[in-house]
């Protein structure tokens, strides 16, 4: 007997909850200057209830070869990585229309 999703009621292999939650998010990627002319890439709008934000932060840091953290409900990456971060998020399942 297959497991049934508690949210949508479909079997786990047909569950669409993750896809729907990713399509409804409004993600904003922007650059912020901090002290000593350093640049941070900020990613806002990821819902921590539906997305494992800490795992997403780790994935972004590994693929972009930079430092970063998750705080104040946003991901902060050291350096200007707006285009690359957007492409990584699209590759991980977020639709392109989710970006503001």
N, C-alpha and C. Protein backbone atom coordinates (compact mmCIF):
# COMPACT_ATOMS: atom_id res chain seq x y z
N UNK A 1 0.84 -1.18 0.00
CA UNK A 1 0.00 0.00 0.00
C UNK A 1 0.89 1.24 0.00
N UNK A 2 0.58 2.19 -0.84
CA UNK A 2 1.39 3.40 -0.95
C UNK A 2 0.97 4.42 0.08
N UNK A 3 1.91 5.28 0.42
CA UNK A 3 1.63 6.35 1.37
C UNK A 3 0.86 7.46 0.68
N UNK A 4 0.02 8.15 1.44
CA UNK A 4 -0.79 9.23 0.92
C UNK A 4 -0.31 10.54 1.54
N UNK A 5 -0.19 11.57 0.71
CA UNK A 5 0.23 12.89 1.20
C UNK A 5 -0.88 13.48 2.08
N UNK A 6 -0.50 14.02 3.21
CA UNK A 6 -1.48 14.60 4.14
C UNK A 6 -2.04 15.92 3.64
N UNK A 7 -1.31 16.60 2.76
CA UNK A 7 -1.73 17.92 2.30
C UNK A 7 -2.69 17.84 1.12
N UNK A 8 -2.26 17.13 0.05
CA UNK A 8 -3.07 17.10 -1.16
C UNK A 8 -3.92 15.84 -1.31
N UNK A 9 -3.62 14.78 -0.55
CA UNK A 9 -4.41 13.57 -0.61
C UNK A 9 -4.04 12.62 -1.73
N UNK A 10 -3.03 12.94 -2.50
CA UNK A 10 -2.57 12.07 -3.58
C UNK A 10 -1.50 11.11 -3.06
N UNK A 11 -1.26 10.01 -3.77
CA UNK A 11 -0.15 9.14 -3.37
C UNK A 11 1.18 9.90 -3.44
N UNK A 12 2.14 9.51 -2.62
CA UNK A 12 3.41 10.22 -2.52
C UNK A 12 4.12 10.34 -3.86
N UNK A 13 4.03 9.32 -4.74
CA UNK A 13 4.72 9.41 -6.02
C UNK A 13 4.04 10.36 -6.99
N UNK A 14 2.79 10.74 -6.74
CA UNK A 14 2.07 11.70 -7.59
C UNK A 14 1.87 13.06 -6.91
N UNK A 15 2.42 13.24 -5.72
CA UNK A 15 2.21 14.45 -4.93
C UNK A 15 2.73 15.68 -5.68
N UNK A 16 1.91 16.74 -5.69
CA UNK A 16 2.28 17.98 -6.37
C UNK A 16 2.42 19.15 -5.41
N UNK A 17 2.45 18.89 -4.12
CA UNK A 17 2.54 19.97 -3.13
C UNK A 17 3.82 20.78 -3.29
N UNK A 18 4.94 20.13 -3.50
CA UNK A 18 6.22 20.83 -3.63
C UNK A 18 6.24 21.72 -4.86
N UNK A 19 5.68 21.25 -5.97
CA UNK A 19 5.66 22.04 -7.19
C UNK A 19 4.78 23.27 -7.03
N UNK A 20 3.63 23.10 -6.43
CA UNK A 20 2.72 24.23 -6.24
C UNK A 20 3.32 25.26 -5.30
N UNK A 21 3.97 24.80 -4.22
CA UNK A 21 4.54 25.76 -3.27
C UNK A 21 5.69 26.53 -3.89
N UNK A 22 6.46 25.92 -4.80
CA UNK A 22 7.55 26.63 -5.45
C UNK A 22 7.02 27.64 -6.45
N UNK A 23 5.90 27.37 -7.09
CA UNK A 23 5.35 28.30 -8.08
C UNK A 23 4.71 29.52 -7.44
N UNK A 24 4.25 29.41 -6.20
CA UNK A 24 3.57 30.53 -5.56
C UNK A 24 4.52 31.49 -4.85
N UNK A 25 5.80 31.15 -4.74
CA UNK A 25 6.74 32.01 -4.04
C UNK A 25 7.22 33.14 -4.95
N UNK A 26 7.49 34.27 -4.34
CA UNK A 26 8.05 35.42 -5.04
C UNK A 26 9.46 35.64 -4.52
N UNK A 27 10.44 35.27 -5.32
CA UNK A 27 11.84 35.31 -4.90
C UNK A 27 12.49 36.58 -5.45
N UNK A 28 13.22 37.26 -4.60
CA UNK A 28 13.91 38.49 -5.00
C UNK A 28 15.40 38.31 -4.76
N UNK A 29 16.18 38.54 -5.81
CA UNK A 29 17.64 38.44 -5.72
C UNK A 29 18.22 39.82 -6.01
N UNK A 30 19.00 40.35 -5.08
CA UNK A 30 19.58 41.67 -5.27
C UNK A 30 20.94 41.75 -4.61
N UNK A 31 21.68 42.81 -4.93
CA UNK A 31 23.03 43.02 -4.41
C UNK A 31 22.99 44.16 -3.41
N UNK A 32 23.74 44.00 -2.33
CA UNK A 32 23.80 45.01 -1.28
C UNK A 32 25.27 45.28 -0.96
N UNK A 33 25.64 46.55 -0.91
CA UNK A 33 27.00 46.93 -0.53
C UNK A 33 27.07 47.05 0.98
N UNK A 34 28.13 46.48 1.54
CA UNK A 34 28.37 46.57 2.98
C UNK A 34 29.71 47.27 3.19
N UNK A 35 30.20 47.25 4.39
CA UNK A 35 31.42 47.99 4.72
C UNK A 35 32.62 47.56 3.89
N UNK A 36 33.53 48.49 3.68
CA UNK A 36 34.77 48.29 2.94
C UNK A 36 34.53 47.87 1.49
N UNK A 37 33.46 48.38 0.87
CA UNK A 37 33.11 48.15 -0.53
C UNK A 37 32.90 46.68 -0.87
N UNK A 38 32.51 45.89 0.12
CA UNK A 38 32.22 44.48 -0.13
C UNK A 38 30.78 44.34 -0.58
N UNK A 39 30.51 43.29 -1.35
CA UNK A 39 29.19 43.09 -1.95
C UNK A 39 28.59 41.79 -1.43
N UNK A 40 27.29 41.82 -1.12
CA UNK A 40 26.55 40.64 -0.73
C UNK A 40 25.41 40.43 -1.72
N UNK A 41 25.16 39.19 -2.10
CA UNK A 41 23.99 38.83 -2.87
C UNK A 41 22.95 38.34 -1.88
N UNK A 42 21.78 38.97 -1.88
CA UNK A 42 20.71 38.64 -0.95
C UNK A 42 19.59 37.95 -1.73
N UNK A 43 19.11 36.82 -1.20
CA UNK A 43 17.99 36.09 -1.80
C UNK A 43 16.88 36.06 -0.77
N UNK A 44 15.79 36.76 -1.07
CA UNK A 44 14.62 36.86 -0.19
C UNK A 44 13.44 36.13 -0.81
N UNK A 45 12.49 35.76 0.02
CA UNK A 45 11.23 35.23 -0.47
C UNK A 45 11.09 33.73 -0.45
N UNK A 46 12.11 33.00 0.00
CA UNK A 46 11.98 31.55 0.10
C UNK A 46 11.19 31.22 1.37
N UNK A 47 10.18 30.39 1.24
CA UNK A 47 9.34 30.01 2.36
C UNK A 47 10.01 28.89 3.14
N UNK A 48 10.42 29.12 4.39
CA UNK A 48 11.12 28.07 5.14
C UNK A 48 10.23 26.88 5.50
N UNK A 49 8.91 27.02 5.36
CA UNK A 49 8.01 25.91 5.66
C UNK A 49 7.98 24.89 4.54
N UNK A 50 8.21 25.33 3.30
CA UNK A 50 8.11 24.42 2.16
C UNK A 50 9.47 24.07 1.55
N UNK A 51 10.48 24.91 1.79
CA UNK A 51 11.81 24.70 1.22
C UNK A 51 12.81 24.54 2.36
N UNK A 52 13.71 23.58 2.26
CA UNK A 52 14.78 23.45 3.25
C UNK A 52 15.82 24.52 2.93
N UNK A 53 15.68 25.67 3.58
CA UNK A 53 16.49 26.83 3.24
C UNK A 53 17.96 26.62 3.62
N UNK A 54 18.21 25.92 4.70
CA UNK A 54 19.61 25.68 5.09
C UNK A 54 20.30 24.79 4.07
N UNK A 55 19.61 23.79 3.57
CA UNK A 55 20.19 22.92 2.54
C UNK A 55 20.39 23.70 1.24
N UNK A 56 19.45 24.60 0.91
CA UNK A 56 19.56 25.43 -0.29
C UNK A 56 20.75 26.38 -0.15
N UNK A 57 20.96 26.93 1.05
CA UNK A 57 22.11 27.80 1.29
C UNK A 57 23.41 27.03 1.09
N UNK A 58 23.47 25.83 1.61
CA UNK A 58 24.67 25.01 1.47
C UNK A 58 24.92 24.68 0.00
N UNK A 59 23.86 24.36 -0.74
CA UNK A 59 24.01 24.04 -2.16
C UNK A 59 24.52 25.26 -2.94
N UNK A 60 23.97 26.43 -2.67
CA UNK A 60 24.41 27.65 -3.35
C UNK A 60 25.87 27.96 -3.02
N UNK A 61 26.25 27.83 -1.76
CA UNK A 61 27.63 28.10 -1.37
C UNK A 61 28.60 27.15 -2.05
N UNK A 62 28.22 25.88 -2.17
CA UNK A 62 29.10 24.90 -2.81
C UNK A 62 29.23 25.15 -4.31
N UNK A 63 28.12 25.43 -4.97
CA UNK A 63 28.16 25.62 -6.42
C UNK A 63 28.80 26.94 -6.82
N UNK A 64 28.67 27.96 -5.97
CA UNK A 64 29.23 29.27 -6.30
C UNK A 64 30.62 29.47 -5.70
N UNK A 65 31.08 28.55 -4.89
CA UNK A 65 32.39 28.62 -4.25
C UNK A 65 32.57 29.93 -3.50
N UNK A 66 31.61 30.22 -2.62
CA UNK A 66 31.67 31.46 -1.85
C UNK A 66 31.18 31.18 -0.43
N UNK A 67 31.38 32.14 0.42
CA UNK A 67 30.87 32.05 1.78
C UNK A 67 29.47 32.62 1.83
N UNK A 68 28.76 32.31 2.88
CA UNK A 68 27.42 32.85 3.02
C UNK A 68 26.74 32.31 4.25
N UNK A 69 25.52 32.79 4.47
CA UNK A 69 24.76 32.38 5.64
C UNK A 69 23.27 32.55 5.37
N UNK A 70 22.47 31.99 6.27
CA UNK A 70 21.02 32.19 6.25
C UNK A 70 20.64 32.88 7.55
N UNK A 71 20.14 34.11 7.43
CA UNK A 71 19.66 34.83 8.60
C UNK A 71 18.62 35.84 8.18
N UNK A 72 17.76 36.21 9.12
CA UNK A 72 16.68 37.17 8.89
C UNK A 72 15.80 36.75 7.70
N UNK A 73 15.53 35.45 7.57
CA UNK A 73 14.69 34.90 6.50
C UNK A 73 15.23 35.22 5.11
N UNK A 74 16.53 35.32 4.97
CA UNK A 74 17.13 35.54 3.65
C UNK A 74 18.50 34.86 3.60
N UNK A 75 18.90 34.51 2.39
CA UNK A 75 20.21 33.90 2.17
C UNK A 75 21.17 35.02 1.77
N UNK A 76 22.31 35.09 2.44
CA UNK A 76 23.33 36.08 2.12
C UNK A 76 24.56 35.36 1.59
N UNK A 77 24.98 35.71 0.37
CA UNK A 77 26.16 35.13 -0.25
C UNK A 77 27.20 36.21 -0.46
N UNK A 78 28.46 35.90 -0.22
CA UNK A 78 29.52 36.88 -0.39
C UNK A 78 29.86 37.00 -1.87
N UNK A 79 29.80 38.22 -2.39
CA UNK A 79 30.10 38.48 -3.79
C UNK A 79 28.83 38.72 -4.60
N UNK A 80 29.01 39.10 -5.85
CA UNK A 80 27.90 39.38 -6.75
C UNK A 80 27.63 38.12 -7.58
N UNK A 81 26.58 37.39 -7.21
CA UNK A 81 26.24 36.13 -7.86
C UNK A 81 24.78 36.12 -8.31
N UNK A 82 24.23 37.24 -8.74
CA UNK A 82 22.81 37.31 -9.03
C UNK A 82 22.40 36.37 -10.16
N UNK A 83 23.09 36.41 -11.28
CA UNK A 83 22.70 35.59 -12.43
C UNK A 83 22.92 34.11 -12.17
N UNK A 84 24.06 33.78 -11.57
CA UNK A 84 24.37 32.37 -11.31
C UNK A 84 23.43 31.79 -10.26
N UNK A 85 23.12 32.56 -9.22
CA UNK A 85 22.22 32.08 -8.17
C UNK A 85 20.82 31.85 -8.74
N UNK A 86 20.37 32.75 -9.60
CA UNK A 86 19.06 32.58 -10.22
C UNK A 86 19.03 31.30 -11.05
N UNK A 87 20.08 31.04 -11.81
CA UNK A 87 20.13 29.84 -12.64
C UNK A 87 20.15 28.57 -11.78
N UNK A 88 20.86 28.60 -10.67
CA UNK A 88 20.90 27.44 -9.77
C UNK A 88 19.52 27.18 -9.18
N UNK A 89 18.81 28.24 -8.80
CA UNK A 89 17.46 28.08 -8.25
C UNK A 89 16.50 27.54 -9.31
N UNK A 90 16.64 28.00 -10.55
CA UNK A 90 15.80 27.48 -11.63
C UNK A 90 16.10 26.01 -11.86
N UNK A 91 17.37 25.63 -11.84
CA UNK A 91 17.76 24.24 -12.03
C UNK A 91 17.26 23.35 -10.90
N UNK A 92 17.08 23.91 -9.70
CA UNK A 92 16.61 23.10 -8.58
C UNK A 92 15.09 23.03 -8.50
N UNK A 93 14.38 23.61 -9.48
CA UNK A 93 12.94 23.40 -9.55
C UNK A 93 12.06 24.62 -9.43
N UNK A 94 12.63 25.79 -9.16
CA UNK A 94 11.82 27.00 -9.07
C UNK A 94 11.53 27.51 -10.48
N UNK A 95 10.29 27.89 -10.78
CA UNK A 95 10.00 28.41 -12.13
C UNK A 95 10.56 29.81 -12.29
N UNK A 96 10.81 30.19 -13.53
CA UNK A 96 11.41 31.49 -13.80
C UNK A 96 10.44 32.64 -13.47
N UNK A 97 9.16 32.38 -13.49
CA UNK A 97 8.18 33.44 -13.17
C UNK A 97 8.14 33.74 -11.68
N UNK A 98 8.80 32.94 -10.84
CA UNK A 98 8.79 33.18 -9.40
C UNK A 98 9.72 34.31 -8.99
N UNK A 99 10.58 34.76 -9.92
CA UNK A 99 11.57 35.78 -9.57
C UNK A 99 11.02 37.17 -9.87
N UNK A 100 11.20 38.05 -8.89
CA UNK A 100 10.73 39.43 -9.02
C UNK A 100 11.88 40.33 -9.32
